[in-house]
Amino acid sequence: MSVTRFYCPQEHAAGNALVNWSGRPLEDLITFAETYRSTACRLVHAHRELKLNTPDHHVLPILFLYRHSLELFLKAIVYHAAEVSIAQTEMTVALPRLWREHSLVKLHQMATPVLQTNRGLDVDSEELGSQLANAATAIDAFDAGSYTFRYPVTTTGSSSLPTAFLVNMFFYSDEMELLLDTCLTFCRGLKRDATHSSAQMKLALHSLTDACTA
């Protein structure tokens, strides 16, 4: 079987999905973020229907999907701001650092200049910044590198999570849904009104290139 047929053995069959149809991957950051978020939401809904009250390892994919969605939203905020604030020659230096970074706290720090200087984009960006800071700190406390919810052990063989780590998937989902919904609104406004970027944001985003050339 060819590689192509491994993924899609029959055209026009139920279950077929066209991925990367736009051909503009950098413009798909928000789309990818929403995809991971919606999948997590569907899993949570399925668990609600089961009405189980016992501990369940099936929460791990949910935690990862929401975390990854937040990571992509933060990267989208930085990218779409940098796109109109940094020269194209500098973008080639800045973007690799952005793509390699997985710490939500560090990504929030990159996004802070954008949140501080883009007010009025359909959301309270200052409040969003505070919410993002809280979520990033809480998640990074256990999963700073986006490995904890995917692997049971670290690279040294120790446990990825504390013993008997208790999480409520419904509470976690409700909190993340509110946050990610605001992120989506902000990102859409940022793409629409990106030309309003200020000199302050442009100066702050130069830290992306400074860190790479240092």
N, C-alpha and C. Protein backbone atom coordinates (compact mmCIF):
# COMPACT_ATOMS: atom_id res chain seq x y z
N MET A 1 0.85 -1.20 0.00
CA MET A 1 0.00 0.00 0.00
C MET A 1 0.88 1.24 0.00
N SER A 2 0.57 2.18 -0.88
CA SER A 2 1.33 3.41 -0.95
C SER A 2 1.04 4.26 0.28
N VAL A 3 1.92 5.22 0.55
CA VAL A 3 1.73 6.11 1.69
C VAL A 3 0.41 6.86 1.56
N THR A 4 0.11 7.32 0.36
CA THR A 4 -1.12 8.06 0.13
C THR A 4 -2.35 7.20 0.44
N ARG A 5 -2.34 5.96 -0.03
CA ARG A 5 -3.49 5.09 0.18
C ARG A 5 -3.59 4.63 1.64
N PHE A 6 -2.47 4.65 2.36
CA PHE A 6 -2.51 4.32 3.78
C PHE A 6 -3.41 5.31 4.53
N TYR A 7 -3.31 6.58 4.15
CA TYR A 7 -4.12 7.61 4.81
C TYR A 7 -5.54 7.69 4.24
N CYS A 8 -5.67 7.40 2.95
CA CYS A 8 -7.00 7.52 2.35
C CYS A 8 -7.13 6.50 1.22
N PRO A 9 -7.56 5.29 1.55
CA PRO A 9 -7.60 4.23 0.54
C PRO A 9 -8.69 4.42 -0.51
N GLN A 10 -9.68 5.25 -0.23
CA GLN A 10 -10.79 5.40 -1.17
C GLN A 10 -11.27 6.86 -1.21
N GLU A 11 -11.34 7.40 -2.40
CA GLU A 11 -11.84 8.76 -2.55
C GLU A 11 -13.34 8.81 -2.30
N HIS A 12 -13.80 9.96 -1.81
CA HIS A 12 -15.24 10.22 -1.61
C HIS A 12 -15.87 9.26 -0.60
N ALA A 13 -15.06 8.71 0.30
CA ALA A 13 -15.61 7.79 1.31
C ALA A 13 -15.95 8.57 2.59
N ALA A 14 -16.89 8.03 3.35
CA ALA A 14 -17.23 8.64 4.64
C ALA A 14 -15.99 8.64 5.53
N GLY A 15 -15.74 9.74 6.19
CA GLY A 15 -14.58 9.84 7.06
C GLY A 15 -13.40 10.54 6.43
N ASN A 16 -13.45 10.75 5.12
CA ASN A 16 -12.36 11.48 4.47
C ASN A 16 -12.33 12.93 4.95
N ALA A 17 -11.14 13.44 5.12
CA ALA A 17 -10.98 14.83 5.55
C ALA A 17 -9.85 15.48 4.77
N LEU A 18 -10.08 16.67 4.27
CA LEU A 18 -9.07 17.40 3.51
C LEU A 18 -8.31 18.30 4.47
N VAL A 19 -7.02 18.02 4.65
CA VAL A 19 -6.18 18.76 5.59
C VAL A 19 -5.23 19.67 4.82
N ASN A 20 -4.94 20.83 5.38
CA ASN A 20 -4.06 21.81 4.74
C ASN A 20 -4.59 22.22 3.38
N TRP A 21 -5.91 22.40 3.31
CA TRP A 21 -6.52 22.75 2.03
C TRP A 21 -6.17 24.17 1.60
N SER A 22 -5.84 25.06 2.56
CA SER A 22 -5.55 26.45 2.19
C SER A 22 -4.17 26.60 1.58
N GLY A 23 -3.24 25.71 1.96
CA GLY A 23 -1.88 25.83 1.45
C GLY A 23 -1.11 26.97 2.06
N ARG A 24 -1.63 27.57 3.17
CA ARG A 24 -0.97 28.68 3.85
C ARG A 24 -0.82 28.32 5.33
N PRO A 25 0.16 27.49 5.66
CA PRO A 25 0.27 26.95 7.01
C PRO A 25 0.38 28.00 8.11
N LEU A 26 1.06 29.11 7.85
CA LEU A 26 1.20 30.13 8.89
C LEU A 26 -0.14 30.79 9.21
N GLU A 27 -1.05 30.77 8.26
CA GLU A 27 -2.37 31.33 8.49
C GLU A 27 -3.29 30.34 9.21
N ASP A 28 -2.82 29.11 9.36
CA ASP A 28 -3.66 28.06 9.95
C ASP A 28 -3.42 27.84 11.44
N LEU A 29 -2.62 28.69 12.07
CA LEU A 29 -2.36 28.52 13.50
C LEU A 29 -3.66 28.54 14.30
N ILE A 30 -4.52 29.49 14.00
CA ILE A 30 -5.78 29.61 14.72
C ILE A 30 -6.67 28.41 14.41
N THR A 31 -6.67 27.97 13.15
CA THR A 31 -7.47 26.81 12.76
C THR A 31 -7.02 25.57 13.51
N PHE A 32 -5.71 25.36 13.61
CA PHE A 32 -5.18 24.21 14.34
C PHE A 32 -5.56 24.31 15.82
N ALA A 33 -5.41 25.49 16.39
CA ALA A 33 -5.75 25.68 17.80
C ALA A 33 -7.21 25.32 18.05
N GLU A 34 -8.09 25.76 17.17
CA GLU A 34 -9.51 25.47 17.32
C GLU A 34 -9.80 23.98 17.12
N THR A 35 -9.03 23.32 16.27
CA THR A 35 -9.23 21.90 16.02
C THR A 35 -8.94 21.09 17.29
N TYR A 36 -7.81 21.38 17.93
CA TYR A 36 -7.47 20.66 19.16
C TYR A 36 -8.47 20.98 20.25
N ARG A 37 -8.90 22.23 20.32
CA ARG A 37 -9.88 22.62 21.34
C ARG A 37 -11.22 21.89 21.12
N SER A 38 -11.72 21.88 19.91
CA SER A 38 -13.03 21.27 19.64
C SER A 38 -12.99 19.77 19.89
N THR A 39 -11.86 19.13 19.59
CA THR A 39 -11.74 17.70 19.85
C THR A 39 -11.76 17.41 21.34
N ALA A 40 -11.06 18.23 22.12
CA ALA A 40 -11.08 18.08 23.58
C ALA A 40 -12.49 18.26 24.11
N CYS A 41 -13.19 19.25 23.58
CA CYS A 41 -14.56 19.54 24.02
C CYS A 41 -15.48 18.35 23.74
N ARG A 42 -15.31 17.72 22.59
CA ARG A 42 -16.13 16.56 22.24
C ARG A 42 -15.85 15.39 23.19
N LEU A 43 -14.59 15.20 23.54
CA LEU A 43 -14.24 14.12 24.47
C LEU A 43 -14.86 14.37 25.85
N VAL A 44 -14.81 15.62 26.29
CA VAL A 44 -15.40 15.96 27.58
C VAL A 44 -16.91 15.72 27.55
N HIS A 45 -17.54 16.11 26.46
CA HIS A 45 -18.98 15.90 26.32
C HIS A 45 -19.32 14.41 26.38
N ALA A 46 -18.50 13.59 25.73
CA ALA A 46 -18.74 12.15 25.75
C ALA A 46 -18.62 11.60 27.17
N HIS A 47 -17.65 12.12 27.93
CA HIS A 47 -17.49 11.67 29.31
C HIS A 47 -18.66 12.13 30.18
N ARG A 48 -19.18 13.30 29.92
CA ARG A 48 -20.35 13.78 30.67
C ARG A 48 -21.53 12.83 30.45
N GLU A 49 -21.67 12.37 29.22
CA GLU A 49 -22.78 11.47 28.90
C GLU A 49 -22.65 10.13 29.61
N LEU A 50 -21.40 9.68 29.84
CA LEU A 50 -21.18 8.40 30.51
C LEU A 50 -21.52 8.47 32.00
N LYS A 51 -21.42 9.68 32.58
CA LYS A 51 -21.77 9.91 33.99
C LYS A 51 -20.98 8.98 34.92
N LEU A 52 -19.68 8.90 34.67
CA LEU A 52 -18.81 8.09 35.52
C LEU A 52 -18.15 8.98 36.57
N ASN A 53 -18.02 8.48 37.79
CA ASN A 53 -17.40 9.24 38.86
C ASN A 53 -16.10 8.62 39.34
N THR A 54 -15.55 7.71 38.56
CA THR A 54 -14.31 7.05 38.96
C THR A 54 -13.13 7.70 38.23
N PRO A 55 -11.92 7.61 38.83
CA PRO A 55 -10.73 8.15 38.15
C PRO A 55 -10.56 7.51 36.77
N ASP A 56 -10.13 8.31 35.82
CA ASP A 56 -10.10 7.84 34.44
C ASP A 56 -8.87 8.41 33.73
N HIS A 57 -8.00 7.52 33.24
CA HIS A 57 -6.82 7.96 32.51
C HIS A 57 -7.16 8.58 31.16
N HIS A 58 -8.41 8.45 30.74
CA HIS A 58 -8.80 9.06 29.48
C HIS A 58 -8.76 10.59 29.54
N VAL A 59 -8.59 11.13 30.73
CA VAL A 59 -8.48 12.59 30.86
C VAL A 59 -7.16 13.09 30.27
N LEU A 60 -6.15 12.25 30.18
CA LEU A 60 -4.83 12.69 29.72
C LEU A 60 -4.85 13.30 28.32
N PRO A 61 -5.50 12.65 27.33
CA PRO A 61 -5.58 13.30 26.02
C PRO A 61 -6.32 14.63 26.07
N ILE A 62 -7.32 14.73 26.93
CA ILE A 62 -8.07 15.98 27.06
C ILE A 62 -7.16 17.09 27.57
N LEU A 63 -6.38 16.78 28.61
CA LEU A 63 -5.45 17.76 29.16
C LEU A 63 -4.44 18.20 28.10
N PHE A 64 -3.93 17.25 27.34
CA PHE A 64 -2.95 17.60 26.30
C PHE A 64 -3.59 18.44 25.20
N LEU A 65 -4.77 18.06 24.73
CA LEU A 65 -5.41 18.78 23.63
C LEU A 65 -5.70 20.23 24.00
N TYR A 66 -6.19 20.45 25.21
CA TYR A 66 -6.45 21.82 25.65
C TYR A 66 -5.14 22.60 25.80
N ARG A 67 -4.13 21.94 26.35
CA ARG A 67 -2.85 22.60 26.53
C ARG A 67 -2.25 23.00 25.18
N HIS A 68 -2.33 22.08 24.23
CA HIS A 68 -1.75 22.35 22.92
C HIS A 68 -2.54 23.46 22.20
N SER A 69 -3.83 23.48 22.39
CA SER A 69 -4.64 24.54 21.81
C SER A 69 -4.20 25.90 22.35
N LEU A 70 -3.99 25.98 23.67
CA LEU A 70 -3.54 27.24 24.27
C LEU A 70 -2.17 27.63 23.75
N GLU A 71 -1.28 26.66 23.61
CA GLU A 71 0.06 26.95 23.07
C GLU A 71 -0.05 27.54 21.66
N LEU A 72 -0.89 26.97 20.83
CA LEU A 72 -1.04 27.46 19.46
C LEU A 72 -1.68 28.84 19.43
N PHE A 73 -2.63 29.10 20.31
CA PHE A 73 -3.23 30.43 20.36
C PHE A 73 -2.19 31.48 20.75
N LEU A 74 -1.34 31.16 21.73
CA LEU A 74 -0.29 32.10 22.13
C LEU A 74 0.68 32.35 20.98
N LYS A 75 1.02 31.31 20.26
CA LYS A 75 1.92 31.46 19.11
C LYS A 75 1.25 32.27 18.00
N ALA A 76 -0.05 32.09 17.84
CA ALA A 76 -0.78 32.85 16.83
C ALA A 76 -0.79 34.34 17.18
N ILE A 77 -0.97 34.65 18.46
CA ILE A 77 -0.96 36.05 18.90
C ILE A 77 0.38 36.69 18.57
N VAL A 78 1.46 36.00 18.91
CA VAL A 78 2.80 36.55 18.66
C VAL A 78 3.08 36.64 17.17
N TYR A 79 2.76 35.58 16.43
CA TYR A 79 3.05 35.58 15.00
C TYR A 79 2.32 36.68 14.25
N HIS A 80 1.01 36.80 14.46
CA HIS A 80 0.23 37.76 13.68
C HIS A 80 0.59 39.20 14.05
N ALA A 81 1.09 39.41 15.27
CA ALA A 81 1.58 40.74 15.64
C ALA A 81 2.94 41.00 15.02
N ALA A 82 3.81 40.00 15.09
CA ALA A 82 5.16 40.15 14.54
C ALA A 82 5.13 40.33 13.03
N GLU A 83 4.13 39.73 12.40
CA GLU A 83 4.02 39.78 10.94
C GLU A 83 3.96 41.22 10.43
N VAL A 84 3.34 42.11 11.19
CA VAL A 84 3.21 43.50 10.76
C VAL A 84 4.13 44.44 11.53
N SER A 85 4.90 43.88 12.48
CA SER A 85 5.72 44.73 13.33
C SER A 85 7.22 44.53 13.13
N ILE A 86 7.59 43.42 12.52
CA ILE A 86 9.01 43.09 12.35
C ILE A 86 9.30 42.92 10.86
N ALA A 87 10.42 43.42 10.43
CA ALA A 87 10.82 43.30 9.03
C ALA A 87 10.91 41.83 8.63
N GLN A 88 10.65 41.56 7.35
CA GLN A 88 10.63 40.18 6.87
C GLN A 88 11.97 39.49 7.10
N THR A 89 13.07 40.23 6.96
CA THR A 89 14.39 39.64 7.18
C THR A 89 14.56 39.19 8.63
N GLU A 90 13.95 39.93 9.56
CA GLU A 90 14.03 39.56 10.97
C GLU A 90 13.10 38.41 11.30
N MET A 91 12.00 38.31 10.56
CA MET A 91 11.04 37.23 10.81
C MET A 91 11.69 35.86 10.63
N THR A 92 12.60 35.74 9.69
CA THR A 92 13.25 34.45 9.45
C THR A 92 14.12 34.04 10.63
N VAL A 93 14.55 35.03 11.41
CA VAL A 93 15.33 34.73 12.61
C VAL A 93 14.42 34.50 13.79
N ALA A 94 13.32 35.26 13.86
CA ALA A 94 12.43 35.21 15.01
C ALA A 94 11.57 33.96 15.04
N LEU A 95 11.05 33.54 13.90
CA LEU A 95 10.08 32.45 13.88
C LEU A 95 10.61 31.12 14.41
N PRO A 96 11.85 30.72 14.09
CA PRO A 96 12.32 29.45 14.63
C PRO A 96 12.25 29.40 16.15
N ARG A 97 12.58 30.50 16.81
CA ARG A 97 12.49 30.51 18.28
C ARG A 97 11.05 30.36 18.73
N LEU A 98 10.13 31.00 18.04
CA LEU A 98 8.71 30.91 18.40
C LEU A 98 8.20 29.48 18.26
N TRP A 99 8.57 28.82 17.15
CA TRP A 99 8.08 27.45 16.92
C TRP A 99 8.70 26.46 17.91
N ARG A 100 9.95 26.70 18.31
CA ARG A 100 10.63 25.76 19.21
C ARG A 100 10.16 25.88 20.66
N GLU A 101 9.63 27.04 21.01
CA GLU A 101 9.25 27.28 22.41
C GLU A 101 7.94 26.56 22.76
N HIS A 102 7.96 25.84 23.89
CA HIS A 102 6.76 25.13 24.33
C HIS A 102 6.28 25.58 25.71
N SER A 103 7.11 26.30 26.43
CA SER A 103 6.70 26.79 27.74
C SER A 103 5.61 27.84 27.57
N LEU A 104 4.47 27.62 28.21
CA LEU A 104 3.37 28.57 28.10
C LEU A 104 3.71 29.88 28.78
N VAL A 105 4.48 29.82 29.86
CA VAL A 105 4.89 31.04 30.55
C VAL A 105 5.75 31.91 29.64
N LYS A 106 6.71 31.29 28.95
CA LYS A 106 7.59 32.05 28.06
C LYS A 106 6.82 32.57 26.85
N LEU A 107 5.88 31.79 26.34
CA LEU A 107 5.07 32.25 25.22
C LEU A 107 4.17 33.40 25.65
N HIS A 108 3.67 33.33 26.87
CA HIS A 108 2.86 34.45 27.38
C HIS A 108 3.72 35.71 27.49
N GLN A 109 4.96 35.55 27.91
CA GLN A 109 5.87 36.70 27.99
C GLN A 109 6.09 37.32 26.61
N MET A 110 6.21 36.48 25.59
CA MET A 110 6.35 36.99 24.22
C MET A 110 5.09 37.73 23.79
N ALA A 111 3.92 37.23 24.23
CA ALA A 111 2.65 37.82 23.80
C ALA A 111 2.27 39.06 24.60
N THR A 112 2.90 39.27 25.75
CA THR A 112 2.51 40.38 26.62
C THR A 112 2.54 41.74 25.93
N PRO A 113 3.59 42.07 25.13
CA PRO A 113 3.57 43.37 24.44
C PRO A 113 2.36 43.53 23.51
N VAL A 114 1.94 42.44 22.91
CA VAL A 114 0.79 42.49 22.01
C VAL A 114 -0.48 42.75 22.81
N LEU A 115 -0.61 42.08 23.94
CA LEU A 115 -1.80 42.24 24.78
C LEU A 115 -1.86 43.63 25.39
N GLN A 116 -0.71 44.20 25.68
CA GLN A 116 -0.66 45.52 26.31
C GLN A 116 -0.93 46.66 25.34
N THR A 117 -0.67 46.43 24.06
CA THR A 117 -0.77 47.53 23.10
C THR A 117 -1.89 47.35 22.09
N ASN A 118 -2.65 46.29 22.21
CA ASN A 118 -3.78 46.07 21.31
C ASN A 118 -5.07 46.01 22.12
N ARG A 119 -5.51 47.14 22.57
CA ARG A 119 -6.74 47.22 23.34
C ARG A 119 -7.90 47.52 22.39
N GLY A 120 -9.06 47.05 22.76
CA GLY A 120 -10.23 47.33 21.94
C GLY A 120 -10.47 46.33 20.84
N LEU A 121 -9.75 45.19 20.85
CA LEU A 121 -9.96 44.17 19.83
C LEU A 121 -11.07 43.21 20.27
N ASP A 122 -12.22 43.76 20.56
CA ASP A 122 -13.42 42.98 20.92
C ASP A 122 -13.33 42.32 22.29
N VAL A 123 -12.18 42.38 22.94
CA VAL A 123 -12.03 41.80 24.28
C VAL A 123 -11.20 42.75 25.13
N ASP A 124 -11.26 42.56 26.45
CA ASP A 124 -10.40 43.30 27.37
C ASP A 124 -9.05 42.60 27.36
N SER A 125 -8.10 43.13 26.60
CA SER A 125 -6.82 42.45 26.42
C SER A 125 -6.02 42.41 27.72
N GLU A 126 -6.21 43.42 28.59
CA GLU A 126 -5.51 43.40 29.87
C GLU A 126 -6.00 42.24 30.73
N GLU A 127 -7.32 42.05 30.76
CA GLU A 127 -7.90 40.94 31.51
C GLU A 127 -7.49 39.61 30.89
N LEU A 128 -7.47 39.54 29.57
CA LEU A 128 -7.03 38.32 28.88
C LEU A 128 -5.60 38.00 29.25
N GLY A 129 -4.75 39.03 29.30
CA GLY A 129 -3.36 38.83 29.67
C GLY A 129 -3.22 38.24 31.06
N SER A 130 -4.05 38.72 31.99
CA SER A 130 -4.04 38.20 33.36
C SER A 130 -4.50 36.75 33.40
N GLN A 131 -5.55 36.44 32.65
CA GLN A 131 -6.06 35.07 32.61
C GLN A 131 -5.03 34.13 31.99
N LEU A 132 -4.37 34.58 30.94
CA LEU A 132 -3.35 33.76 30.29
C LEU A 132 -2.17 33.52 31.22
N ALA A 133 -1.79 34.54 31.97
CA ALA A 133 -0.69 34.40 32.92
C ALA A 133 -1.01 33.34 33.97
N ASN A 134 -2.23 33.37 34.49
CA ASN A 134 -2.65 32.40 35.50
C ASN A 134 -2.66 30.98 34.94
N ALA A 135 -3.25 30.83 33.75
CA ALA A 135 -3.33 29.50 33.14
C ALA A 135 -1.94 28.97 32.79
N ALA A 136 -1.11 29.82 32.20
CA ALA A 136 0.24 29.41 31.80
C ALA A 136 1.05 28.97 33.01
N THR A 137 0.96 29.72 34.09
CA THR A 137 1.70 29.38 35.31
C THR A 137 1.22 28.06 35.90
N ALA A 138 -0.10 27.88 35.95
CA ALA A 138 -0.66 26.66 36.53
C ALA A 138 -0.30 25.43 35.71
N ILE A 139 -0.38 25.54 34.39
CA ILE A 139 -0.10 24.39 33.53
C ILE A 139 1.39 24.09 33.49
N ASP A 140 2.21 25.15 33.38
CA ASP A 140 3.66 24.95 33.33
C ASP A 140 4.22 24.37 34.62
N ALA A 141 3.49 24.55 35.71
CA ALA A 141 3.95 23.99 36.99
C ALA A 141 4.09 22.48 36.90
N PHE A 142 3.32 21.85 36.03
CA PHE A 142 3.39 20.40 35.84
C PHE A 142 3.83 20.00 34.44
N ASP A 143 3.69 20.91 33.48
CA ASP A 143 3.94 20.52 32.08
C ASP A 143 4.53 21.68 31.28
N ALA A 144 5.74 22.07 31.63
CA ALA A 144 6.37 23.21 30.97
C ALA A 144 6.84 22.89 29.56
N GLY A 145 7.05 21.61 29.27
CA GLY A 145 7.59 21.26 27.96
C GLY A 145 6.64 20.52 27.05
N SER A 146 5.37 20.40 27.46
CA SER A 146 4.35 19.69 26.68
C SER A 146 4.65 18.20 26.56
N TYR A 147 5.20 17.61 27.63
CA TYR A 147 5.48 16.18 27.65
C TYR A 147 4.65 15.43 28.69
N THR A 148 4.29 16.12 29.79
CA THR A 148 3.73 15.46 30.96
C THR A 148 2.47 14.66 30.66
N PHE A 149 1.57 15.22 29.87
CA PHE A 149 0.30 14.55 29.60
C PHE A 149 0.40 13.55 28.45
N ARG A 150 1.60 13.43 27.87
CA ARG A 150 1.80 12.49 26.76
C ARG A 150 2.63 11.28 27.14
N TYR A 151 3.51 11.44 28.14
CA TYR A 151 4.40 10.35 28.53
C TYR A 151 4.30 10.11 30.03
N PRO A 152 4.27 8.86 30.47
CA PRO A 152 4.19 8.59 31.91
C PRO A 152 5.49 8.87 32.65
N VAL A 153 6.62 8.87 31.92
CA VAL A 153 7.93 9.09 32.56
C VAL A 153 8.68 10.21 31.87
N THR A 154 9.61 10.80 32.61
CA THR A 154 10.48 11.84 32.06
C THR A 154 11.67 11.18 31.36
N THR A 155 12.54 11.97 30.80
CA THR A 155 13.72 11.44 30.11
C THR A 155 14.69 10.76 31.07
N THR A 156 14.54 11.06 32.38
CA THR A 156 15.40 10.42 33.38
C THR A 156 14.76 9.19 34.00
N GLY A 157 13.52 8.88 33.57
CA GLY A 157 12.85 7.70 34.07
C GLY A 157 11.97 7.93 35.29
N SER A 158 11.91 9.16 35.77
CA SER A 158 11.04 9.45 36.91
C SER A 158 9.62 9.71 36.43
N SER A 159 8.66 9.74 37.35
CA SER A 159 7.26 9.94 36.99
C SER A 159 7.02 11.34 36.46
N SER A 160 6.25 11.44 35.40
CA SER A 160 5.96 12.76 34.82
C SER A 160 5.05 13.58 35.73
N LEU A 161 4.12 12.91 36.40
CA LEU A 161 3.17 13.58 37.27
C LEU A 161 3.35 13.14 38.72
N PRO A 162 2.97 13.98 39.67
CA PRO A 162 3.01 13.56 41.07
C PRO A 162 2.10 12.36 41.29
N THR A 163 2.41 11.54 42.25
CA THR A 163 1.59 10.38 42.56
C THR A 163 0.19 10.81 42.96
N ALA A 164 -0.82 10.10 42.46
CA ALA A 164 -2.23 10.39 42.77
C ALA A 164 -2.61 11.83 42.42
N PHE A 165 -2.20 12.25 41.24
CA PHE A 165 -2.53 13.61 40.76
C PHE A 165 -4.01 13.66 40.41
N LEU A 166 -4.76 14.51 41.10
CA LEU A 166 -6.21 14.57 40.92
C LEU A 166 -6.60 15.77 40.07
N VAL A 167 -7.41 15.52 39.06
CA VAL A 167 -7.87 16.59 38.17
C VAL A 167 -9.34 16.37 37.85
N ASN A 168 -10.11 17.45 37.80
CA ASN A 168 -11.51 17.37 37.42
C ASN A 168 -11.64 17.83 35.97
N MET A 169 -11.88 16.89 35.08
CA MET A 169 -11.89 17.23 33.65
C MET A 169 -13.00 18.21 33.28
N PHE A 170 -14.11 18.19 34.01
CA PHE A 170 -15.21 19.08 33.68
C PHE A 170 -14.90 20.52 34.09
N PHE A 171 -14.34 20.69 35.28
CA PHE A 171 -13.95 22.03 35.73
C PHE A 171 -12.85 22.58 34.82
N TYR A 172 -11.85 21.72 34.55
CA TYR A 172 -10.73 22.12 33.69
C TYR A 172 -11.23 22.53 32.31
N SER A 173 -12.15 21.76 31.76
CA SER A 173 -12.70 22.06 30.44
C SER A 173 -13.46 23.37 30.45
N ASP A 174 -14.28 23.59 31.48
CA ASP A 174 -15.06 24.83 31.55
C ASP A 174 -14.13 26.05 31.60
N GLU A 175 -13.08 25.95 32.40
CA GLU A 175 -12.14 27.06 32.51
C GLU A 175 -11.41 27.31 31.20
N MET A 176 -10.96 26.23 30.56
CA MET A 176 -10.21 26.38 29.31
C MET A 176 -11.10 26.86 28.17
N GLU A 177 -12.35 26.41 28.15
CA GLU A 177 -13.26 26.85 27.10
C GLU A 177 -13.47 28.36 27.15
N LEU A 178 -13.66 28.90 28.35
CA LEU A 178 -13.83 30.34 28.49
C LEU A 178 -12.58 31.09 28.03
N LEU A 179 -11.42 30.60 28.44
CA LEU A 179 -10.16 31.25 28.08
C LEU A 179 -9.90 31.17 26.59
N LEU A 180 -10.06 29.99 26.01
CA LEU A 180 -9.76 29.80 24.60
C LEU A 180 -10.75 30.52 23.71
N ASP A 181 -11.98 30.66 24.16
CA ASP A 181 -12.97 31.41 23.40
C ASP A 181 -12.56 32.87 23.31
N THR A 182 -12.04 33.42 24.41
CA THR A 182 -11.56 34.80 24.41
C THR A 182 -10.31 34.93 23.54
N CYS A 183 -9.44 33.93 23.60
CA CYS A 183 -8.24 33.92 22.74
C CYS A 183 -8.63 33.95 21.26
N LEU A 184 -9.64 33.18 20.91
CA LEU A 184 -10.09 33.13 19.53
C LEU A 184 -10.60 34.50 19.08
N THR A 185 -11.41 35.13 19.91
CA THR A 185 -11.93 36.45 19.58
C THR A 185 -10.80 37.46 19.43
N PHE A 186 -9.82 37.40 20.33
CA PHE A 186 -8.69 38.33 20.27
C PHE A 186 -7.86 38.10 19.01
N CYS A 187 -7.58 36.83 18.69
CA CYS A 187 -6.77 36.51 17.51
C CYS A 187 -7.45 36.98 16.23
N ARG A 188 -8.76 36.80 16.14
CA ARG A 188 -9.48 37.25 14.96
C ARG A 188 -9.42 38.77 14.84
N GLY A 189 -9.57 39.46 15.96
CA GLY A 189 -9.45 40.91 15.94
C GLY A 189 -8.05 41.36 15.61
N LEU A 190 -7.05 40.64 16.10
CA LEU A 190 -5.66 40.98 15.83
C LEU A 190 -5.35 40.84 14.34
N LYS A 191 -5.81 39.79 13.72
CA LYS A 191 -5.60 39.61 12.29
C LYS A 191 -6.29 40.71 11.49
N ARG A 192 -7.47 41.11 11.96
CA ARG A 192 -8.24 42.12 11.25
C ARG A 192 -7.63 43.51 11.39
N ASP A 193 -7.15 43.82 12.60
CA ASP A 193 -6.68 45.17 12.88
C ASP A 193 -5.19 45.22 13.16
N ALA A 194 -4.44 44.30 12.59
CA ALA A 194 -3.02 44.21 12.90
C ALA A 194 -2.25 45.47 12.53
N THR A 195 -2.76 46.24 11.59
CA THR A 195 -2.05 47.43 11.15
C THR A 195 -2.01 48.51 12.22
N HIS A 196 -2.77 48.33 13.31
CA HIS A 196 -2.79 49.29 14.39
C HIS A 196 -1.64 49.06 15.37
N SER A 197 -0.75 48.16 15.04
CA SER A 197 0.36 47.84 15.94
C SER A 197 1.15 49.09 16.27
N SER A 198 1.55 49.20 17.53
CA SER A 198 2.26 50.39 17.97
C SER A 198 3.76 50.20 17.93
N ALA A 199 4.48 51.32 18.06
CA ALA A 199 5.94 51.27 18.08
C ALA A 199 6.42 50.52 19.32
N GLN A 200 5.67 50.62 20.42
CA GLN A 200 6.03 49.92 21.65
C GLN A 200 6.03 48.42 21.43
N MET A 201 4.99 47.91 20.74
CA MET A 201 4.92 46.49 20.48
C MET A 201 6.04 46.07 19.54
N LYS A 202 6.31 46.89 18.54
CA LYS A 202 7.37 46.56 17.58
C LYS A 202 8.70 46.44 18.29
N LEU A 203 8.97 47.36 19.20
CA LEU A 203 10.22 47.33 19.94
C LEU A 203 10.30 46.09 20.82
N ALA A 204 9.20 45.77 21.51
CA ALA A 204 9.17 44.63 22.42
C ALA A 204 9.34 43.31 21.67
N LEU A 205 8.74 43.20 20.50
CA LEU A 205 8.82 41.95 19.75
C LEU A 205 10.21 41.71 19.16
N HIS A 206 11.06 42.75 19.16
CA HIS A 206 12.42 42.55 18.68
C HIS A 206 13.18 41.59 19.60
N SER A 207 12.66 41.37 20.82
CA SER A 207 13.31 40.42 21.72
C SER A 207 13.34 39.02 21.12
N LEU A 208 12.42 38.73 20.22
CA LEU A 208 12.41 37.44 19.55
C LEU A 208 13.69 37.24 18.75
N THR A 209 14.12 38.30 18.06
CA THR A 209 15.33 38.18 17.25
C THR A 209 16.58 38.34 18.09
N ASP A 210 16.51 39.18 19.12
CA ASP A 210 17.68 39.40 19.97
C ASP A 210 18.10 38.11 20.64
N ALA A 211 17.11 37.32 21.10
CA ALA A 211 17.42 36.07 21.79
C ALA A 211 18.08 35.07 20.87
N CYS A 212 17.75 35.15 19.59
CA CYS A 212 18.29 34.18 18.64
C CYS A 212 19.72 34.54 18.22
N THR A 213 20.00 35.84 18.19
CA THR A 213 21.32 36.27 17.70
C THR A 213 22.32 36.47 18.81
N ALA A 214 21.83 36.39 20.08
CA ALA A 214 22.73 36.62 21.21
C ALA A 214 23.75 35.48 21.32
